[in-house]
Amino acid sequence: MNDVIKYKEYIASINFSAEDEVFHGKILGIKDLVLFEGKSVNELKKAFKESIEDYLETCKVLNKSPEKPYKGSFNVRIPERMHRAAALIASQKSLSLNEFIKTAISYTIKHQHDLDQEIDQNILGSL
């Protein structure tokens, strides 16, 4: 699992390069590529905040609206069978497919810890 850090509305994934002995990060959820790095956690956090501020300032100079990391809509591609089953269940529950998907995602988020344990048990069971 990658670690993440947050500043303002932005989230970044963090990785460590043992070869270079440096932390490096990438802002998630935007099309623009914004990277940063630091040799310590404090340097990394400082570089992250500076990269966000630079991004926002660059957008202002270019008269471009900065992207919001998550705007509340996305495309999902699933197998036809799964799509059909989800649509059927949604219909039976008098829900739109969108409401059904929101409910499924909400459930998964609320039960993330339980799901993580189940995944770990499945992995250990297959060894």
N, C-alpha and C. Protein backbone atom coordinates (compact mmCIF):
# COMPACT_ATOMS: atom_id res chain seq x y z
N MET A 1 0.85 -1.17 0.00
CA MET A 1 0.00 0.00 0.00
C MET A 1 0.90 1.24 0.00
N ASN A 2 0.55 2.20 -0.83
CA ASN A 2 1.26 3.47 -0.82
C ASN A 2 0.71 4.35 0.28
N ASP A 3 1.57 5.16 0.84
CA ASP A 3 1.11 6.14 1.80
C ASP A 3 0.67 7.38 1.06
N VAL A 4 -0.18 8.17 1.70
CA VAL A 4 -0.65 9.41 1.10
C VAL A 4 -0.51 10.54 2.11
N ILE A 5 -0.40 11.76 1.58
CA ILE A 5 -0.44 12.95 2.41
C ILE A 5 -1.46 13.90 1.80
N LYS A 6 -1.97 14.82 2.63
CA LYS A 6 -3.03 15.72 2.19
C LYS A 6 -2.64 17.16 2.51
N TYR A 7 -3.03 18.06 1.60
CA TYR A 7 -2.87 19.50 1.81
C TYR A 7 -3.94 20.20 0.99
N LYS A 8 -4.67 21.08 1.65
CA LYS A 8 -5.84 21.73 1.04
C LYS A 8 -6.76 20.63 0.55
N GLU A 9 -7.20 20.66 -0.68
CA GLU A 9 -8.08 19.59 -1.20
C GLU A 9 -7.30 18.49 -1.89
N TYR A 10 -5.98 18.57 -1.89
CA TYR A 10 -5.16 17.68 -2.71
C TYR A 10 -4.57 16.54 -1.90
N ILE A 11 -4.44 15.41 -2.56
CA ILE A 11 -3.87 14.20 -1.98
C ILE A 11 -2.73 13.76 -2.89
N ALA A 12 -1.66 13.27 -2.27
CA ALA A 12 -0.53 12.78 -3.06
C ALA A 12 -0.11 11.41 -2.57
N SER A 13 0.31 10.58 -3.50
CA SER A 13 0.86 9.27 -3.14
C SER A 13 2.35 9.46 -2.87
N ILE A 14 2.86 8.68 -1.93
CA ILE A 14 4.25 8.79 -1.52
C ILE A 14 4.93 7.44 -1.69
N ASN A 15 6.13 7.46 -2.23
CA ASN A 15 6.96 6.27 -2.36
C ASN A 15 8.36 6.61 -1.90
N PHE A 16 9.14 5.57 -1.61
CA PHE A 16 10.53 5.76 -1.21
C PHE A 16 11.42 5.00 -2.16
N SER A 17 12.46 5.66 -2.65
CA SER A 17 13.45 5.02 -3.51
C SER A 17 14.67 4.70 -2.65
N ALA A 18 14.88 3.42 -2.37
CA ALA A 18 16.04 3.01 -1.57
C ALA A 18 17.33 3.31 -2.32
N GLU A 19 17.29 3.19 -3.63
CA GLU A 19 18.48 3.44 -4.45
C GLU A 19 18.92 4.90 -4.35
N ASP A 20 17.96 5.82 -4.47
CA ASP A 20 18.28 7.25 -4.41
C ASP A 20 18.22 7.81 -3.00
N GLU A 21 17.67 7.03 -2.07
CA GLU A 21 17.46 7.46 -0.69
C GLU A 21 16.67 8.76 -0.61
N VAL A 22 15.53 8.76 -1.34
CA VAL A 22 14.68 9.94 -1.38
C VAL A 22 13.22 9.52 -1.45
N PHE A 23 12.38 10.29 -0.78
CA PHE A 23 10.94 10.12 -0.90
C PHE A 23 10.49 10.91 -2.12
N HIS A 24 9.53 10.38 -2.85
CA HIS A 24 8.98 11.13 -3.96
C HIS A 24 7.47 10.96 -3.98
N GLY A 25 6.80 11.99 -4.47
CA GLY A 25 5.35 11.96 -4.47
C GLY A 25 4.76 12.49 -5.74
N LYS A 26 3.48 12.20 -5.92
CA LYS A 26 2.72 12.63 -7.09
C LYS A 26 1.33 13.01 -6.63
N ILE A 27 0.84 14.15 -7.08
CA ILE A 27 -0.52 14.57 -6.74
C ILE A 27 -1.51 13.70 -7.50
N LEU A 28 -2.49 13.18 -6.78
CA LEU A 28 -3.48 12.28 -7.35
C LEU A 28 -4.75 13.03 -7.75
N GLY A 29 -5.46 12.47 -8.71
CA GLY A 29 -6.79 12.95 -9.04
C GLY A 29 -6.85 14.16 -9.96
N ILE A 30 -5.71 14.57 -10.53
CA ILE A 30 -5.72 15.67 -11.51
C ILE A 30 -4.98 15.20 -12.75
N LYS A 31 -5.31 15.81 -13.89
CA LYS A 31 -4.66 15.43 -15.15
C LYS A 31 -3.25 15.98 -15.25
N ASP A 32 -3.02 17.16 -14.67
CA ASP A 32 -1.69 17.75 -14.71
C ASP A 32 -0.73 16.88 -13.88
N LEU A 33 0.52 16.79 -14.34
CA LEU A 33 1.52 16.01 -13.63
C LEU A 33 2.27 16.92 -12.67
N VAL A 34 2.10 16.69 -11.37
CA VAL A 34 2.78 17.48 -10.35
C VAL A 34 3.52 16.51 -9.45
N LEU A 35 4.85 16.59 -9.48
CA LEU A 35 5.72 15.71 -8.71
C LEU A 35 6.53 16.52 -7.71
N PHE A 36 7.02 15.87 -6.67
CA PHE A 36 7.85 16.52 -5.66
C PHE A 36 8.66 15.45 -4.96
N GLU A 37 9.70 15.88 -4.22
CA GLU A 37 10.53 14.92 -3.51
C GLU A 37 11.20 15.57 -2.31
N GLY A 38 11.72 14.73 -1.43
CA GLY A 38 12.45 15.21 -0.27
C GLY A 38 13.25 14.07 0.34
N LYS A 39 14.35 14.41 0.98
CA LYS A 39 15.21 13.39 1.60
C LYS A 39 14.74 12.99 2.99
N SER A 40 13.84 13.78 3.57
CA SER A 40 13.26 13.45 4.87
C SER A 40 11.75 13.66 4.79
N VAL A 41 11.06 13.20 5.80
CA VAL A 41 9.61 13.38 5.83
C VAL A 41 9.28 14.87 5.87
N ASN A 42 10.01 15.63 6.67
CA ASN A 42 9.76 17.08 6.74
C ASN A 42 10.01 17.76 5.40
N GLU A 43 11.12 17.39 4.73
CA GLU A 43 11.40 17.95 3.40
C GLU A 43 10.31 17.58 2.41
N LEU A 44 9.85 16.34 2.49
CA LEU A 44 8.81 15.87 1.58
C LEU A 44 7.52 16.66 1.78
N LYS A 45 7.10 16.83 3.03
CA LYS A 45 5.87 17.58 3.32
C LYS A 45 5.99 19.03 2.85
N LYS A 46 7.14 19.62 3.09
CA LYS A 46 7.37 21.00 2.65
C LYS A 46 7.31 21.09 1.13
N ALA A 47 7.96 20.15 0.44
CA ALA A 47 7.96 20.14 -1.03
C ALA A 47 6.56 19.93 -1.57
N PHE A 48 5.76 19.10 -0.91
CA PHE A 48 4.39 18.85 -1.32
C PHE A 48 3.58 20.14 -1.25
N LYS A 49 3.64 20.82 -0.11
CA LYS A 49 2.90 22.08 0.05
C LYS A 49 3.36 23.11 -0.98
N GLU A 50 4.67 23.19 -1.19
CA GLU A 50 5.19 24.14 -2.18
C GLU A 50 4.72 23.78 -3.59
N SER A 51 4.65 22.49 -3.90
CA SER A 51 4.21 22.08 -5.24
C SER A 51 2.74 22.43 -5.46
N ILE A 52 1.92 22.31 -4.42
CA ILE A 52 0.51 22.71 -4.54
C ILE A 52 0.40 24.21 -4.76
N GLU A 53 1.13 24.98 -3.95
CA GLU A 53 1.09 26.44 -4.08
C GLU A 53 1.61 26.87 -5.46
N ASP A 54 2.68 26.23 -5.94
CA ASP A 54 3.21 26.52 -7.28
C ASP A 54 2.18 26.18 -8.35
N TYR A 55 1.52 25.05 -8.21
CA TYR A 55 0.49 24.62 -9.16
C TYR A 55 -0.63 25.66 -9.22
N LEU A 56 -1.10 26.07 -8.04
CA LEU A 56 -2.19 27.05 -7.99
C LEU A 56 -1.76 28.39 -8.58
N GLU A 57 -0.54 28.80 -8.30
CA GLU A 57 -0.02 30.07 -8.84
C GLU A 57 0.16 29.98 -10.36
N THR A 58 0.68 28.86 -10.84
CA THR A 58 0.85 28.67 -12.29
C THR A 58 -0.49 28.71 -13.00
N CYS A 59 -1.48 28.08 -12.42
CA CYS A 59 -2.83 28.12 -13.00
C CYS A 59 -3.34 29.55 -13.08
N LYS A 60 -3.09 30.32 -12.03
CA LYS A 60 -3.52 31.71 -12.00
C LYS A 60 -2.83 32.51 -13.10
N VAL A 61 -1.52 32.33 -13.25
CA VAL A 61 -0.74 33.04 -14.28
C VAL A 61 -1.24 32.67 -15.67
N LEU A 62 -1.56 31.39 -15.87
CA LEU A 62 -2.03 30.91 -17.18
C LEU A 62 -3.51 31.16 -17.40
N ASN A 63 -4.16 31.78 -16.42
CA ASN A 63 -5.60 32.03 -16.46
C ASN A 63 -6.38 30.73 -16.69
N LYS A 64 -5.93 29.70 -15.97
CA LYS A 64 -6.52 28.36 -16.06
C LYS A 64 -7.08 27.99 -14.70
N SER A 65 -8.24 27.40 -14.68
CA SER A 65 -8.80 26.94 -13.41
C SER A 65 -8.03 25.71 -12.94
N PRO A 66 -7.56 25.71 -11.70
CA PRO A 66 -6.88 24.51 -11.19
C PRO A 66 -7.88 23.36 -11.11
N GLU A 67 -7.40 22.18 -11.41
CA GLU A 67 -8.29 21.03 -11.34
C GLU A 67 -8.59 20.70 -9.88
N LYS A 68 -9.81 20.32 -9.64
CA LYS A 68 -10.19 19.79 -8.33
C LYS A 68 -9.81 18.32 -8.34
N PRO A 69 -9.25 17.83 -7.26
CA PRO A 69 -8.81 16.43 -7.26
C PRO A 69 -9.93 15.43 -7.53
N TYR A 70 -11.07 15.65 -6.95
CA TYR A 70 -12.17 14.71 -7.15
C TYR A 70 -13.45 15.50 -7.28
N LYS A 71 -14.08 15.43 -8.44
CA LYS A 71 -15.24 16.26 -8.69
C LYS A 71 -16.57 15.53 -8.51
N GLY A 72 -16.52 14.24 -8.18
CA GLY A 72 -17.76 13.52 -7.88
C GLY A 72 -18.33 12.72 -9.03
N SER A 73 -17.64 12.63 -10.14
CA SER A 73 -18.11 11.78 -11.24
C SER A 73 -16.91 11.09 -11.87
N PHE A 74 -17.14 9.86 -12.30
CA PHE A 74 -16.10 9.11 -12.98
C PHE A 74 -16.74 7.99 -13.78
N ASN A 75 -16.02 7.50 -14.76
CA ASN A 75 -16.50 6.38 -15.58
C ASN A 75 -15.99 5.08 -15.00
N VAL A 76 -16.83 4.09 -15.01
CA VAL A 76 -16.45 2.76 -14.53
C VAL A 76 -16.76 1.75 -15.62
N ARG A 77 -15.79 0.92 -15.95
CA ARG A 77 -16.00 -0.12 -16.93
C ARG A 77 -16.02 -1.46 -16.21
N ILE A 78 -17.12 -2.18 -16.36
CA ILE A 78 -17.29 -3.47 -15.71
C ILE A 78 -17.79 -4.48 -16.74
N PRO A 79 -17.63 -5.76 -16.44
CA PRO A 79 -18.13 -6.76 -17.38
C PRO A 79 -19.65 -6.64 -17.57
N GLU A 80 -20.11 -7.00 -18.75
CA GLU A 80 -21.53 -6.90 -19.09
C GLU A 80 -22.42 -7.63 -18.08
N ARG A 81 -21.99 -8.80 -17.65
CA ARG A 81 -22.76 -9.59 -16.68
C ARG A 81 -22.94 -8.85 -15.36
N MET A 82 -21.87 -8.21 -14.91
CA MET A 82 -21.93 -7.46 -13.66
C MET A 82 -22.84 -6.25 -13.82
N HIS A 83 -22.76 -5.59 -14.96
CA HIS A 83 -23.61 -4.43 -15.24
C HIS A 83 -25.08 -4.85 -15.20
N ARG A 84 -25.38 -5.96 -15.86
CA ARG A 84 -26.76 -6.46 -15.90
C ARG A 84 -27.25 -6.80 -14.49
N ALA A 85 -26.42 -7.49 -13.71
CA ALA A 85 -26.81 -7.89 -12.34
C ALA A 85 -27.03 -6.66 -11.47
N ALA A 86 -26.15 -5.67 -11.57
CA ALA A 86 -26.30 -4.45 -10.78
C ALA A 86 -27.58 -3.71 -11.17
N ALA A 87 -27.84 -3.62 -12.46
CA ALA A 87 -29.06 -2.93 -12.93
C ALA A 87 -30.31 -3.66 -12.44
N LEU A 88 -30.28 -4.99 -12.44
CA LEU A 88 -31.42 -5.77 -11.98
C LEU A 88 -31.68 -5.54 -10.48
N ILE A 89 -30.62 -5.63 -9.68
CA ILE A 89 -30.77 -5.41 -8.24
C ILE A 89 -31.25 -3.98 -7.97
N ALA A 90 -30.67 -3.01 -8.66
CA ALA A 90 -31.08 -1.61 -8.48
C ALA A 90 -32.57 -1.47 -8.80
N SER A 91 -33.00 -2.07 -9.88
CA SER A 91 -34.41 -1.99 -10.29
C SER A 91 -35.32 -2.62 -9.24
N GLN A 92 -34.91 -3.77 -8.72
CA GLN A 92 -35.71 -4.46 -7.70
C GLN A 92 -35.81 -3.63 -6.42
N LYS A 93 -34.81 -2.82 -6.14
CA LYS A 93 -34.80 -1.98 -4.94
C LYS A 93 -35.35 -0.58 -5.21
N SER A 94 -35.85 -0.36 -6.43
CA SER A 94 -36.36 0.95 -6.86
C SER A 94 -35.30 2.04 -6.74
N LEU A 95 -34.08 1.69 -7.12
CA LEU A 95 -32.96 2.62 -7.12
C LEU A 95 -32.48 2.84 -8.56
N SER A 96 -31.93 4.00 -8.81
CA SER A 96 -31.23 4.18 -10.08
C SER A 96 -29.92 3.40 -9.98
N LEU A 97 -29.34 3.10 -11.11
CA LEU A 97 -28.05 2.41 -11.11
C LEU A 97 -27.01 3.27 -10.40
N ASN A 98 -27.07 4.59 -10.59
CA ASN A 98 -26.15 5.51 -9.92
C ASN A 98 -26.27 5.40 -8.40
N GLU A 99 -27.52 5.38 -7.89
CA GLU A 99 -27.73 5.25 -6.44
C GLU A 99 -27.23 3.90 -5.92
N PHE A 100 -27.43 2.86 -6.71
CA PHE A 100 -26.95 1.53 -6.32
C PHE A 100 -25.42 1.54 -6.19
N ILE A 101 -24.74 2.12 -7.17
CA ILE A 101 -23.27 2.18 -7.15
C ILE A 101 -22.79 3.02 -5.96
N LYS A 102 -23.45 4.16 -5.71
CA LYS A 102 -23.08 4.99 -4.55
C LYS A 102 -23.22 4.19 -3.25
N THR A 103 -24.30 3.41 -3.14
CA THR A 103 -24.51 2.59 -1.95
C THR A 103 -23.41 1.54 -1.82
N ALA A 104 -23.05 0.89 -2.92
CA ALA A 104 -22.01 -0.14 -2.90
C ALA A 104 -20.66 0.46 -2.49
N ILE A 105 -20.34 1.62 -3.03
CA ILE A 105 -19.07 2.27 -2.68
C ILE A 105 -19.10 2.69 -1.22
N SER A 106 -20.19 3.26 -0.77
CA SER A 106 -20.32 3.68 0.63
C SER A 106 -20.14 2.48 1.56
N TYR A 107 -20.77 1.38 1.23
CA TYR A 107 -20.64 0.16 2.04
C TYR A 107 -19.18 -0.29 2.11
N THR A 108 -18.52 -0.30 0.97
CA THR A 108 -17.13 -0.73 0.91
C THR A 108 -16.24 0.18 1.75
N ILE A 109 -16.45 1.47 1.67
CA ILE A 109 -15.66 2.42 2.46
C ILE A 109 -15.88 2.18 3.95
N LYS A 110 -17.13 2.02 4.35
CA LYS A 110 -17.45 1.83 5.78
C LYS A 110 -16.90 0.50 6.30
N HIS A 111 -16.76 -0.48 5.45
CA HIS A 111 -16.30 -1.81 5.87
C HIS A 111 -14.89 -2.12 5.37
N GLN A 112 -14.11 -1.10 5.10
CA GLN A 112 -12.76 -1.29 4.55
C GLN A 112 -11.90 -2.18 5.44
N HIS A 113 -11.96 -1.96 6.76
CA HIS A 113 -11.15 -2.76 7.68
C HIS A 113 -11.52 -4.25 7.58
N ASP A 114 -12.82 -4.55 7.56
CA ASP A 114 -13.27 -5.93 7.43
C ASP A 114 -12.82 -6.54 6.11
N LEU A 115 -12.91 -5.76 5.04
CA LEU A 115 -12.49 -6.24 3.73
C LEU A 115 -10.99 -6.50 3.68
N ASP A 116 -10.21 -5.61 4.30
CA ASP A 116 -8.76 -5.80 4.36
C ASP A 116 -8.42 -7.11 5.06
N GLN A 117 -9.10 -7.38 6.18
CA GLN A 117 -8.86 -8.63 6.92
C GLN A 117 -9.23 -9.84 6.08
N GLU A 118 -10.34 -9.76 5.36
CA GLU A 118 -10.77 -10.88 4.52
C GLU A 118 -9.76 -11.12 3.40
N ILE A 119 -9.27 -10.05 2.80
CA ILE A 119 -8.27 -10.19 1.73
C ILE A 119 -7.00 -10.81 2.29
N ASP A 120 -6.55 -10.33 3.46
CA ASP A 120 -5.35 -10.89 4.09
C ASP A 120 -5.53 -12.38 4.39
N GLN A 121 -6.71 -12.77 4.90
CA GLN A 121 -6.96 -14.17 5.21
C GLN A 121 -6.95 -15.01 3.94
N ASN A 122 -7.51 -14.48 2.85
CA ASN A 122 -7.51 -15.21 1.57
C ASN A 122 -6.10 -15.40 1.05
N ILE A 123 -5.28 -14.36 1.20
CA ILE A 123 -3.89 -14.46 0.74
C ILE A 123 -3.14 -15.49 1.57
N LEU A 124 -3.29 -15.43 2.91
CA LEU A 124 -2.60 -16.38 3.77
C LEU A 124 -3.10 -17.80 3.54
N GLY A 125 -4.40 -17.94 3.27
CA GLY A 125 -4.98 -19.26 3.03
C GLY A 125 -4.48 -19.90 1.74
N SER A 126 -4.06 -19.06 0.78
CA SER A 126 -3.60 -19.60 -0.50
C SER A 126 -2.13 -19.97 -0.48
N LEU A 127 -1.43 -19.67 0.62
CA LEU A 127 0.01 -19.99 0.70
C LEU A 127 0.26 -21.42 1.03
